[in-house]
Amino acid sequence: MSRDIDIGLLRAFVAVVDTGSVTGAARLLNRTQAAVSQQLKRLEEHLGTVLFERRHKRLLLGPAGERLLGAAQRLVALNDETWGAMTTPEFHGEVTLGVPTDIVPTYIPPILRRFTTAWPQVRVTLRTGNSHRLLEAFDHGEIDLTMTTDTASDGRSELLRLDRLVWVGAPGGKAHTLTPLPIAAGDTSCRFRPIVLEAMRKVGRTWRLVIEVSNQVAQDAAVRADIAVAPSLRDSVPDFLKLIGPEAGLPDLPEFMINLYTPPAGTNEIADELARHIRAEFSRRFGPPPEGRRAATARRRSLAEPSRAGSP
């Protein structure tokens, strides 16, 4: 038996593990489900072992698969690094990426890890803040590309993900039961703030702002201390806070778009490459963006900020 392992088979194996299914792997690799299933079968036959346990149409990593995974990931990464070094320009320089503070832990670490592994000569600067200020910096040329959280697209951005805005509080906390409702929110430029206060006004519940600065650390501290509740995207609720369910009587909040703004095509190769890594990470985790929803939200809605008074 040949001792050489086909990198394509290992790539299919890693993609199935990363996405959790043959369907997800096929989507990531731009192949058919049948082709990916055949690659898994060939890999198992080549190694003479079963890599997955098949239970109720689900693939669970078996003992042999767990032994293979780390090595397979390294081999695929080394293959891609070698291919990139030999077939693409050697990128040098800097790139500045803007990311809303609250979604940094959710999405950014694996993106930066993969990008810096592929392009170690590129210096990446991460700039955080709220979406309004990041977009201003992008428009002024202060950052090369930026992610934002928006209720709609302005026609220049591309949709990465739709996520629901939810309420969060301290585990075992009582802040959500208080009247007026204490809320930790950003300053007047925060995209979440007018949405949340308008929702409160519509249900006729009184509120007061405990924190109104666009500083995620300060907002999280107020919520952890159980002196306020706060809005958060569902994917980005930190482990030390809990989701407040509808039984608490708080108003439902809308979906938000996680958008990506990039420079004009061909004007910044390094930014283009980082954008490719960002898209690949979202596709790997969530599949392609919901194109049908993009058209339905293709105009930006103007929302006037509610008054600072605590009653509707």
C-alpha atoms as a PDB file:
ATOM      1  CA  MET A   1       0.000   0.000   0.000  1.00  0.00           C
ATOM      2  CA  SER A   2       1.221   3.500  -0.812  1.00  0.00           C
ATOM      3  CA  ARG A   3       2.359   5.476   2.229  1.00  0.00           C
ATOM      4  CA  ASP A   4       1.424   8.785   0.556  1.00  0.00           C
ATOM      5  CA  ILE A   5      -1.861  10.430   1.625  1.00  0.00           C
ATOM      6  CA  ASP A   6      -3.820  12.503  -0.866  1.00  0.00           C
ATOM      7  CA  ILE A   7      -4.101  16.051   0.491  1.00  0.00           C
ATOM      8  CA  GLY A   8      -7.523  16.360  -1.151  1.00  0.00           C
ATOM      9  CA  LEU A   9      -8.810  13.487   0.978  1.00  0.00           C
ATOM     10  CA  LEU A  10      -7.427  15.081   4.130  1.00  0.00           C
ATOM     11  CA  ARG A  11      -8.983  18.417   3.147  1.00  0.00           C
ATOM     12  CA  ALA A  12     -12.385  16.762   2.817  1.00  0.00           C
ATOM     13  CA  PHE A  13     -11.929  15.082   6.205  1.00  0.00           C
ATOM     14  CA  VAL A  14     -10.995  18.371   7.922  1.00  0.00           C
ATOM     15  CA  ALA A  15     -13.861  20.209   6.215  1.00  0.00           C
ATOM     16  CA  VAL A  16     -16.386  17.650   7.503  1.00  0.00           C
ATOM     17  CA  VAL A  17     -15.023  18.046  11.042  1.00  0.00           C
ATOM     18  CA  ASP A  18     -14.995  21.854  10.809  1.00  0.00           C
ATOM     19  CA  THR A  19     -18.524  22.171   9.436  1.00  0.00           C
ATOM     20  CA  GLY A  20     -20.050  19.223  11.264  1.00  0.00           C
ATOM     21  CA  SER A  21     -21.528  17.564   8.182  1.00  0.00           C
ATOM     22  CA  VAL A  22     -20.881  16.325   4.662  1.00  0.00           C
ATOM     23  CA  THR A  23     -23.341  18.962   3.447  1.00  0.00           C
ATOM     24  CA  GLY A  24     -21.374  21.762   5.086  1.00  0.00           C
ATOM     25  CA  ALA A  25     -18.079  20.380   3.806  1.00  0.00           C
ATOM     26  CA  ALA A  26     -19.440  20.135   0.260  1.00  0.00           C
ATOM     27  CA  ARG A  27     -20.562  23.751   0.436  1.00  0.00           C
ATOM     28  CA  LEU A  28     -17.193  24.879   1.788  1.00  0.00           C
ATOM     29  CA  LEU A  29     -15.215  22.924  -0.809  1.00  0.00           C
ATOM     30  CA  ASN A  30     -17.585  23.751  -3.669  1.00  0.00           C
ATOM     31  CA  ARG A  31     -18.129  20.059  -4.372  1.00  0.00           C
ATOM     32  CA  THR A  32     -21.113  17.753  -4.365  1.00  0.00           C
ATOM     33  CA  GLN A  33     -22.089  15.817  -1.245  1.00  0.00           C
ATOM     34  CA  ALA A  34     -21.523  12.590  -3.160  1.00  0.00           C
ATOM     35  CA  ALA A  35     -17.966  13.639  -4.048  1.00  0.00           C
ATOM     36  CA  VAL A  36     -17.127  14.480  -0.423  1.00  0.00           C
ATOM     37  CA  SER A  37     -18.649  11.204   0.813  1.00  0.00           C
ATOM     38  CA  GLN A  38     -16.551   9.319  -1.737  1.00  0.00           C
ATOM     39  CA  GLN A  39     -13.398  11.114  -0.548  1.00  0.00           C
ATOM     40  CA  LEU A  40     -14.115  10.101   3.047  1.00  0.00           C
ATOM     41  CA  LYS A  41     -14.637   6.523   1.949  1.00  0.00           C
ATOM     42  CA  ARG A  42     -11.365   6.515  -0.003  1.00  0.00           C
ATOM     43  CA  LEU A  43      -9.476   7.962   2.960  1.00  0.00           C
ATOM     44  CA  GLU A  44     -10.865   5.318   5.324  1.00  0.00           C
ATOM     45  CA  GLU A  45     -10.009   2.569   2.845  1.00  0.00           C
ATOM     46  CA  HIS A  46      -6.500   3.957   2.355  1.00  0.00           C
ATOM     47  CA  LEU A  47      -5.827   4.109   6.093  1.00  0.00           C
ATOM     48  CA  GLY A  48      -7.625   0.860   6.802  1.00  0.00           C
ATOM     49  CA  THR A  49      -9.731   2.313   9.593  1.00  0.00           C
ATOM     50  CA  VAL A  50     -13.085   3.932  10.283  1.00  0.00           C
ATOM     51  CA  LEU A  51     -12.780   7.659  10.978  1.00  0.00           C
ATOM     52  CA  PHE A  52     -16.407   8.510  11.751  1.00  0.00           C
ATOM     53  CA  GLU A  53     -19.186   6.806  13.642  1.00  0.00           C
ATOM     54  CA  ARG A  54     -22.458   7.144  11.744  1.00  0.00           C
ATOM     55  CA  ARG A  55     -25.440   7.615  14.055  1.00  0.00           C
ATOM     56  CA  HIS A  56     -28.885   8.628  12.856  1.00  0.00           C
ATOM     57  CA  LYS A  57     -27.498  10.261   9.691  1.00  0.00           C
ATOM     58  CA  ARG A  58     -24.917  12.150  11.760  1.00  0.00           C
ATOM     59  CA  LEU A  59     -21.155  11.803  11.534  1.00  0.00           C
ATOM     60  CA  LEU A  60     -19.370  11.668  14.885  1.00  0.00           C
ATOM     61  CA  LEU A  61     -15.587  11.655  15.040  1.00  0.00           C
ATOM     62  CA  GLY A  62     -14.373   8.220  16.133  1.00  0.00           C
ATOM     63  CA  PRO A  63     -11.154   7.372  18.010  1.00  0.00           C
ATOM     64  CA  ALA A  64      -9.156   6.950  14.786  1.00  0.00           C
ATOM     65  CA  GLY A  65     -10.545  10.237  13.462  1.00  0.00           C
ATOM     66  CA  GLU A  66      -9.504  12.024  16.645  1.00  0.00           C
ATOM     67  CA  ARG A  67      -5.959  10.681  16.219  1.00  0.00           C
ATOM     68  CA  LEU A  68      -5.865  11.850  12.615  1.00  0.00           C
ATOM     69  CA  LEU A  69      -7.395  15.307  13.041  1.00  0.00           C
ATOM     70  CA  GLY A  70      -4.410  17.257  14.378  1.00  0.00           C
ATOM     71  CA  ALA A  71      -2.001  15.872  11.803  1.00  0.00           C
ATOM     72  CA  ALA A  72      -4.514  16.351   8.994  1.00  0.00           C
ATOM     73  CA  GLN A  73      -5.015  19.998   9.919  1.00  0.00           C
ATOM     74  CA  ARG A  74      -1.259  20.585   9.956  1.00  0.00           C
ATOM     75  CA  LEU A  75      -0.728  18.847   6.613  1.00  0.00           C
ATOM     76  CA  VAL A  76      -3.524  20.780   4.919  1.00  0.00           C
ATOM     77  CA  ALA A  77      -2.261  24.070   6.381  1.00  0.00           C
ATOM     78  CA  LEU A  78       1.329  23.296   5.283  1.00  0.00           C
ATOM     79  CA  ASN A  79       0.105  22.378   1.804  1.00  0.00           C
ATOM     80  CA  ASP A  80      -1.810  25.662   1.520  1.00  0.00           C
ATOM     81  CA  GLU A  81       1.120  27.651   2.876  1.00  0.00           C
ATOM     82  CA  THR A  82       3.485  26.024   0.373  1.00  0.00           C
ATOM     83  CA  TRP A  83       1.062  26.532  -2.494  1.00  0.00           C
ATOM     84  CA  GLY A  84       0.559  30.162  -1.543  1.00  0.00           C
ATOM     85  CA  ALA A  85       4.304  30.786  -1.275  1.00  0.00           C
ATOM     86  CA  MET A  86       4.928  29.356  -4.730  1.00  0.00           C
ATOM     87  CA  THR A  87       1.946  30.674  -6.692  1.00  0.00           C
ATOM     88  CA  THR A  88       0.937  34.047  -5.265  1.00  0.00           C
ATOM     89  CA  PRO A  89       2.724  37.347  -4.639  1.00  0.00           C
ATOM     90  CA  GLU A  90       4.692  37.621  -1.417  1.00  0.00           C
ATOM     91  CA  PHE A  91       2.626  40.112   0.535  1.00  0.00           C
ATOM     92  CA  HIS A  92       4.486  42.628   2.672  1.00  0.00           C
ATOM     93  CA  GLY A  93       3.154  45.682   4.418  1.00  0.00           C
ATOM     94  CA  GLU A  94       0.288  46.614   6.697  1.00  0.00           C
ATOM     95  CA  VAL A  95      -3.474  46.354   6.743  1.00  0.00           C
ATOM     96  CA  THR A  96      -5.913  47.887   9.218  1.00  0.00           C
ATOM     97  CA  LEU A  97      -9.146  46.069   9.982  1.00  0.00           C
ATOM     98  CA  GLY A  98     -12.065  47.687  11.792  1.00  0.00           C
ATOM     99  CA  VAL A  99     -14.360  45.503  13.897  1.00  0.00           C
ATOM    100  CA  PRO A 100     -17.199  46.459  16.276  1.00  0.00           C
ATOM    101  CA  THR A 101     -15.935  45.787  19.800  1.00  0.00           C
ATOM    102  CA  ASP A 102     -18.712  43.419  20.824  1.00  0.00           C
ATOM    103  CA  ILE A 103     -18.140  40.949  17.974  1.00  0.00           C
ATOM    104  CA  VAL A 104     -14.331  40.786  18.167  1.00  0.00           C
ATOM    105  CA  PRO A 105     -14.164  37.685  20.440  1.00  0.00           C
ATOM    106  CA  THR A 106     -16.853  35.908  18.415  1.00  0.00           C
ATOM    107  CA  TYR A 107     -15.268  36.030  14.975  1.00  0.00           C
ATOM    108  CA  ILE A 108     -11.826  37.599  14.820  1.00  0.00           C
ATOM    109  CA  PRO A 109      -9.317  35.200  16.511  1.00  0.00           C
ATOM    110  CA  PRO A 110      -9.543  32.385  13.902  1.00  0.00           C
ATOM    111  CA  ILE A 111      -9.504  34.895  11.037  1.00  0.00           C
ATOM    112  CA  LEU A 112      -6.330  36.575  12.260  1.00  0.00           C
ATOM    113  CA  ARG A 113      -4.720  33.240  13.103  1.00  0.00           C
ATOM    114  CA  ARG A 114      -5.223  31.870   9.606  1.00  0.00           C
ATOM    115  CA  PHE A 115      -4.286  35.127   7.885  1.00  0.00           C
ATOM    116  CA  THR A 116      -1.063  35.668   9.809  1.00  0.00           C
ATOM    117  CA  THR A 117      -0.082  32.034   9.294  1.00  0.00           C
ATOM    118  CA  ALA A 118      -0.526  32.452   5.546  1.00  0.00           C
ATOM    119  CA  TRP A 119       1.078  35.916   5.379  1.00  0.00           C
ATOM    120  CA  PRO A 120       3.554  36.346   8.261  1.00  0.00           C
ATOM    121  CA  GLN A 121       5.176  39.354   6.598  1.00  0.00           C
ATOM    122  CA  VAL A 122       1.975  41.412   6.830  1.00  0.00           C
ATOM    123  CA  ARG A 123       1.339  43.515   9.910  1.00  0.00           C
ATOM    124  CA  VAL A 124      -2.346  43.533  10.877  1.00  0.00           C
ATOM    125  CA  THR A 125      -3.674  46.394  12.989  1.00  0.00           C
ATOM    126  CA  LEU A 126      -7.069  45.874  14.605  1.00  0.00           C
ATOM    127  CA  ARG A 127      -9.184  48.958  15.232  1.00  0.00           C
ATOM    128  CA  THR A 128     -12.296  48.620  17.359  1.00  0.00           C
ATOM    129  CA  GLY A 129     -15.216  50.871  18.157  1.00  0.00           C
ATOM    130  CA  ASN A 130     -18.878  51.125  17.236  1.00  0.00           C
ATOM    131  CA  SER A 131     -20.054  50.665  13.659  1.00  0.00           C
ATOM    132  CA  HIS A 132     -20.794  54.352  13.058  1.00  0.00           C
ATOM    133  CA  ARG A 133     -17.279  55.460  13.952  1.00  0.00           C
ATOM    134  CA  LEU A 134     -15.623  52.574  12.119  1.00  0.00           C
ATOM    135  CA  LEU A 135     -17.498  53.398   8.939  1.00  0.00           C
ATOM    136  CA  GLU A 136     -16.489  57.042   9.264  1.00  0.00           C
ATOM    137  CA  ALA A 137     -12.850  55.961   9.606  1.00  0.00           C
ATOM    138  CA  PHE A 138     -13.206  53.708   6.551  1.00  0.00           C
ATOM    139  CA  ASP A 139     -14.728  56.519   4.487  1.00  0.00           C
ATOM    140  CA  HIS A 140     -11.876  58.831   5.508  1.00  0.00           C
ATOM    141  CA  GLY A 141      -9.264  56.248   4.485  1.00  0.00           C
ATOM    142  CA  GLU A 142      -8.057  55.681   8.047  1.00  0.00           C
ATOM    143  CA  ILE A 143      -8.715  51.926   7.895  1.00  0.00           C
ATOM    144  CA  ASP A 144      -8.516  49.565   4.928  1.00  0.00           C
ATOM    145  CA  LEU A 145     -11.638  47.476   5.503  1.00  0.00           C
ATOM    146  CA  THR A 146     -14.213  47.174   8.226  1.00  0.00           C
ATOM    147  CA  MET A 147     -16.996  45.004   9.550  1.00  0.00           C
ATOM    148  CA  THR A 148     -20.145  46.697  10.858  1.00  0.00           C
ATOM    149  CA  THR A 149     -23.438  45.776  12.479  1.00  0.00           C
ATOM    150  CA  ASP A 150     -26.408  47.349  10.683  1.00  0.00           C
ATOM    151  CA  THR A 151     -30.153  47.013  10.310  1.00  0.00           C
ATOM    152  CA  ALA A 152     -29.724  47.294   6.536  1.00  0.00           C
ATOM    153  CA  SER A 153     -27.182  47.694   3.767  1.00  0.00           C
ATOM    154  CA  ASP A 154     -26.284  51.015   2.181  1.00  0.00           C
ATOM    155  CA  GLY A 155     -25.461  49.341  -1.111  1.00  0.00           C
ATOM    156  CA  ARG A 156     -21.691  49.360  -0.622  1.00  0.00           C
ATOM    157  CA  SER A 157     -21.342  46.479   1.808  1.00  0.00           C
ATOM    158  CA  GLU A 158     -21.633  42.718   1.522  1.00  0.00           C
ATOM    159  CA  LEU A 159     -23.610  40.636   3.983  1.00  0.00           C
ATOM    160  CA  LEU A 160     -21.666  38.157   6.101  1.00  0.00           C
ATOM    161  CA  ARG A 161     -24.338  37.056   8.575  1.00  0.00           C
ATOM    162  CA  LEU A 162     -27.765  37.855   9.985  1.00  0.00           C
ATOM    163  CA  ASP A 163     -27.969  37.702  13.773  1.00  0.00           C
ATOM    164  CA  ARG A 164     -30.715  38.523  16.259  1.00  0.00           C
ATOM    165  CA  LEU A 165     -30.368  41.314  18.818  1.00  0.00           C
ATOM    166  CA  VAL A 166     -31.297  39.941  22.250  1.00  0.00           C
ATOM    167  CA  TRP A 167     -31.388  41.043  25.882  1.00  0.00           C
ATOM    168  CA  VAL A 168     -28.706  39.862  28.318  1.00  0.00           C
ATOM    169  CA  GLY A 169     -28.348  40.097  32.084  1.00  0.00           C
ATOM    170  CA  ALA A 170     -26.372  38.718  34.993  1.00  0.00           C
ATOM    171  CA  PRO A 171     -26.889  35.024  35.834  1.00  0.00           C
ATOM    172  CA  GLY A 172     -29.438  34.945  38.644  1.00  0.00           C
ATOM    173  CA  GLY A 173     -29.853  38.701  38.340  1.00  0.00           C
ATOM    174  CA  LYS A 174     -32.934  40.829  38.967  1.00  0.00           C
ATOM    175  CA  ALA A 175     -32.192  43.964  36.947  1.00  0.00           C
ATOM    176  CA  HIS A 176     -34.707  42.920  34.270  1.00  0.00           C
ATOM    177  CA  THR A 177     -37.505  43.018  36.875  1.00  0.00           C
ATOM    178  CA  LEU A 178     -36.910  46.635  37.911  1.00  0.00           C
ATOM    179  CA  THR A 179     -39.015  49.642  36.961  1.00  0.00           C
ATOM    180  CA  PRO A 180     -37.823  51.777  35.301  1.00  0.00           C
ATOM    181  CA  LEU A 181     -35.730  49.189  33.437  1.00  0.00           C
ATOM    182  CA  PRO A 182     -31.996  49.959  33.846  1.00  0.00           C
ATOM    183  CA  ILE A 183     -30.240  49.693  30.467  1.00  0.00           C
ATOM    184  CA  ALA A 184     -26.545  49.713  29.562  1.00  0.00           C
ATOM    185  CA  ALA A 185     -26.187  51.073  26.046  1.00  0.00           C
ATOM    186  CA  GLY A 186     -23.700  52.882  23.853  1.00  0.00           C
ATOM    187  CA  ASP A 187     -23.532  56.601  23.217  1.00  0.00           C
ATOM    188  CA  THR A 188     -25.716  58.434  20.688  1.00  0.00           C
ATOM    189  CA  SER A 189     -23.733  56.999  17.749  1.00  0.00           C
ATOM    190  CA  CYS A 190     -24.413  53.382  18.798  1.00  0.00           C
ATOM    191  CA  ARG A 191     -26.519  51.463  16.242  1.00  0.00           C
ATOM    192  CA  PHE A 192     -28.221  49.372  18.940  1.00  0.00           C
ATOM    193  CA  ARG A 193     -29.297  52.285  21.130  1.00  0.00           C
ATOM    194  CA  PRO A 194     -32.123  53.845  19.057  1.00  0.00           C
ATOM    195  CA  ILE A 195     -33.487  50.400  18.200  1.00  0.00           C
ATOM    196  CA  VAL A 196     -33.635  49.367  21.866  1.00  0.00           C
ATOM    197  CA  LEU A 197     -35.165  52.592  23.126  1.00  0.00           C
ATOM    198  CA  GLU A 198     -37.743  52.647  20.341  1.00  0.00           C
ATOM    199  CA  ALA A 199     -38.731  49.078  21.251  1.00  0.00           C
ATOM    200  CA  MET A 200     -39.150  50.125  24.884  1.00  0.00           C
ATOM    201  CA  ARG A 201     -41.288  53.071  23.898  1.00  0.00           C
ATOM    202  CA  LYS A 202     -43.557  50.903  21.737  1.00  0.00           C
ATOM    203  CA  VAL A 203     -44.361  48.529  24.604  1.00  0.00           C
ATOM    204  CA  GLY A 204     -44.899  51.422  26.999  1.00  0.00           C
ATOM    205  CA  ARG A 205     -42.303  50.365  29.556  1.00  0.00           C
ATOM    206  CA  THR A 206     -40.264  53.004  31.352  1.00  0.00           C
ATOM    207  CA  TRP A 207     -36.486  52.850  31.286  1.00  0.00           C
ATOM    208  CA  ARG A 208     -33.362  54.691  32.373  1.00  0.00           C
ATOM    209  CA  LEU A 209     -29.857  54.607  30.955  1.00  0.00           C
ATOM    210  CA  VAL A 210     -27.291  53.415  33.490  1.00  0.00           C
ATOM    211  CA  ILE A 211     -24.391  53.281  31.040  1.00  0.00           C
ATOM    212  CA  GLU A 212     -24.386  55.282  27.801  1.00  0.00           C
ATOM    213  CA  VAL A 213     -20.831  55.003  26.528  1.00  0.00           C
ATOM    214  CA  SER A 214     -19.604  52.899  23.627  1.00  0.00           C
ATOM    215  CA  ASN A 215     -17.245  50.903  25.804  1.00  0.00           C
ATOM    216  CA  GLN A 216     -17.960  47.171  25.889  1.00  0.00           C
ATOM    217  CA  VAL A 217     -15.953  46.604  29.072  1.00  0.00           C
ATOM    218  CA  ALA A 218     -17.996  49.215  30.941  1.00  0.00           C
ATOM    219  CA  GLN A 219     -21.299  47.858  29.634  1.00  0.00           C
ATOM    220  CA  ASP A 220     -20.384  44.266  30.517  1.00  0.00           C
ATOM    221  CA  ALA A 221     -19.317  45.360  34.004  1.00  0.00           C
ATOM    222  CA  ALA A 222     -22.654  47.049  34.634  1.00  0.00           C
ATOM    223  CA  VAL A 223     -24.574  43.979  33.504  1.00  0.00           C
ATOM    224  CA  ARG A 224     -22.379  41.570  35.499  1.00  0.00           C
ATOM    225  CA  ALA A 225     -22.980  43.728  38.576  1.00  0.00           C
ATOM    226  CA  ASP A 226     -26.727  43.294  37.963  1.00  0.00           C
ATOM    227  CA  ILE A 227     -27.345  47.027  37.821  1.00  0.00           C
ATOM    228  CA  ALA A 228     -28.491  46.916  34.189  1.00  0.00           C
ATOM    229  CA  VAL A 229     -29.513  44.765  31.249  1.00  0.00           C
ATOM    230  CA  ALA A 230     -28.097  45.286  27.769  1.00  0.00           C
ATOM    231  CA  PRO A 231     -28.646  44.398  24.114  1.00  0.00           C
ATOM    232  CA  SER A 232     -26.292  41.902  22.490  1.00  0.00           C
ATOM    233  CA  LEU A 233     -26.139  39.957  19.260  1.00  0.00           C
ATOM    234  CA  ARG A 234     -27.068  36.349  20.032  1.00  0.00           C
ATOM    235  CA  ASP A 235     -23.847  34.873  18.624  1.00  0.00           C
ATOM    236  CA  SER A 236     -21.814  37.245  20.777  1.00  0.00           C
ATOM    237  CA  VAL A 237     -23.395  36.800  24.210  1.00  0.00           C
ATOM    238  CA  PRO A 238     -20.380  36.297  26.516  1.00  0.00           C
ATOM    239  CA  ASP A 239     -20.176  33.227  28.737  1.00  0.00           C
ATOM    240  CA  PHE A 240     -20.470  35.292  31.903  1.00  0.00           C
ATOM    241  CA  LEU A 241     -23.874  36.730  30.942  1.00  0.00           C
ATOM    242  CA  LYS A 242     -27.195  35.023  30.263  1.00  0.00           C
ATOM    243  CA  LEU A 243     -29.890  35.444  27.670  1.00  0.00           C
ATOM    244  CA  ILE A 244     -33.087  36.991  29.035  1.00  0.00           C
ATOM    245  CA  GLY A 245     -36.062  35.115  27.619  1.00  0.00           C
ATOM    246  CA  PRO A 246     -39.464  36.445  26.499  1.00  0.00           C
ATOM    247  CA  GLU A 247     -40.983  35.505  29.856  1.00  0.00           C
ATOM    248  CA  ALA A 248     -39.251  38.582  31.320  1.00  0.00           C
ATOM    249  CA  GLY A 249     -41.610  40.800  29.332  1.00  0.00           C
ATOM    250  CA  LEU A 250     -38.917  42.734  27.490  1.00  0.00           C
ATOM    251  CA  PRO A 251     -39.709  43.751  23.896  1.00  0.00           C
ATOM    252  CA  ASP A 252     -38.477  41.671  20.976  1.00  0.00           C
ATOM    253  CA  LEU A 253     -35.509  43.138  19.137  1.00  0.00           C
ATOM    254  CA  PRO A 254     -34.783  42.884  15.401  1.00  0.00           C
ATOM    255  CA  GLU A 255     -32.167  41.093  13.351  1.00  0.00           C
ATOM    256  CA  PHE A 256     -28.939  42.886  12.556  1.00  0.00           C
ATOM    257  CA  MET A 257     -26.701  42.419   9.558  1.00  0.00           C
ATOM    258  CA  ILE A 258     -22.986  41.835  10.010  1.00  0.00           C
ATOM    259  CA  ASN A 259     -21.599  43.583   6.946  1.00  0.00           C
ATOM    260  CA  LEU A 260     -18.174  43.902   5.369  1.00  0.00           C
ATOM    261  CA  TYR A 261     -16.882  47.051   3.692  1.00  0.00           C
ATOM    262  CA  THR A 262     -13.858  46.678   1.407  1.00  0.00           C
ATOM    263  CA  PRO A 263     -11.894  49.062  -0.805  1.00  0.00           C
ATOM    264  CA  PRO A 264     -12.551  49.115  -4.569  1.00  0.00           C
ATOM    265  CA  ALA A 265     -11.450  45.859  -6.234  1.00  0.00           C
ATOM    266  CA  GLY A 266      -7.787  45.788  -7.143  1.00  0.00           C
ATOM    267  CA  THR A 267      -6.769  48.867  -5.144  1.00  0.00           C
ATOM    268  CA  ASN A 268      -5.392  47.060  -2.095  1.00  0.00           C
ATOM    269  CA  GLU A 269      -4.267  43.451  -2.594  1.00  0.00           C
ATOM    270  CA  ILE A 270      -3.545  42.876   1.090  1.00  0.00           C
ATOM    271  CA  ALA A 271      -6.996  44.096   2.114  1.00  0.00           C
ATOM    272  CA  ASP A 272      -8.525  41.905  -0.608  1.00  0.00           C
ATOM    273  CA  GLU A 273      -6.707  38.870   0.795  1.00  0.00           C
ATOM    274  CA  LEU A 274      -7.824  39.614   4.357  1.00  0.00           C
ATOM    275  CA  ALA A 275     -11.390  40.046   3.104  1.00  0.00           C
ATOM    276  CA  ARG A 276     -11.136  36.614   1.470  1.00  0.00           C
ATOM    277  CA  HIS A 277     -10.147  35.099   4.820  1.00  0.00           C
ATOM    278  CA  ILE A 278     -13.069  36.858   6.528  1.00  0.00           C
ATOM    279  CA  ARG A 279     -15.561  35.516   3.986  1.00  0.00           C
ATOM    280  CA  ALA A 280     -14.069  32.026   4.244  1.00  0.00           C
ATOM    281  CA  GLU A 281     -14.434  32.010   8.038  1.00  0.00           C
ATOM    282  CA  PHE A 282     -18.090  33.024   7.927  1.00  0.00           C
ATOM    283  CA  SER A 283     -18.792  30.528   5.149  1.00  0.00           C
ATOM    284  CA  ARG A 284     -17.027  27.782   7.096  1.00  0.00           C
ATOM    285  CA  ARG A 285     -19.071  28.434  10.219  1.00  0.00           C
ATOM    286  CA  PHE A 286     -22.438  29.454   8.823  1.00  0.00           C
ATOM    287  CA  GLY A 287     -22.584  28.643   5.126  1.00  0.00           C
ATOM    288  CA  PRO A 288     -23.241  31.241   2.405  1.00  0.00           C
ATOM    289  CA  PRO A 289     -25.025  34.459   3.460  1.00  0.00           C
ATOM    290  CA  PRO A 290     -28.802  34.464   2.973  1.00  0.00           C
ATOM    291  CA  GLU A 291     -28.926  36.168  -0.434  1.00  0.00           C
ATOM    292  CA  GLY A 292     -32.695  36.447  -0.466  1.00  0.00           C
ATOM    293  CA  ARG A 293     -32.653  38.393   2.765  1.00  0.00           C
ATOM    294  CA  ARG A 294     -30.004  40.768   1.440  1.00  0.00           C
ATOM    295  CA  ALA A 295     -32.325  42.174  -1.226  1.00  0.00           C
ATOM    296  CA  ALA A 296     -35.119  42.624   1.283  1.00  0.00           C
ATOM    297  CA  THR A 297     -32.939  44.772   3.517  1.00  0.00           C
ATOM    298  CA  ALA A 298     -31.045  46.672   0.824  1.00  0.00           C
ATOM    299  CA  ARG A 299     -32.077  50.110   2.016  1.00  0.00           C
ATOM    300  CA  ARG A 300     -31.034  51.795   5.223  1.00  0.00           C
ATOM    301  CA  ARG A 301     -33.865  52.857   7.493  1.00  0.00           C
ATOM    302  CA  SER A 302     -33.586  56.196   9.265  1.00  0.00           C
ATOM    303  CA  LEU A 303     -34.311  55.910  12.967  1.00  0.00           C
ATOM    304  CA  ALA A 304     -34.549  59.016  15.099  1.00  0.00           C
ATOM    305  CA  GLU A 305     -33.160  58.517  18.597  1.00  0.00           C
ATOM    306  CA  PRO A 306     -35.796  58.518  21.334  1.00  0.00           C
ATOM    307  CA  SER A 307     -35.702  61.239  23.917  1.00  0.00           C
ATOM    308  CA  ARG A 308     -33.639  60.708  27.052  1.00  0.00           C
ATOM    309  CA  ALA A 309     -36.748  60.748  29.185  1.00  0.00           C
ATOM    310  CA  GLY A 310     -37.571  57.425  30.766  1.00  0.00           C
ATOM    311  CA  SER A 311     -41.206  57.248  29.684  1.00  0.00           C
ATOM    312  CA  PRO A 312     -42.666  56.606  26.216  1.00  0.00           C
END
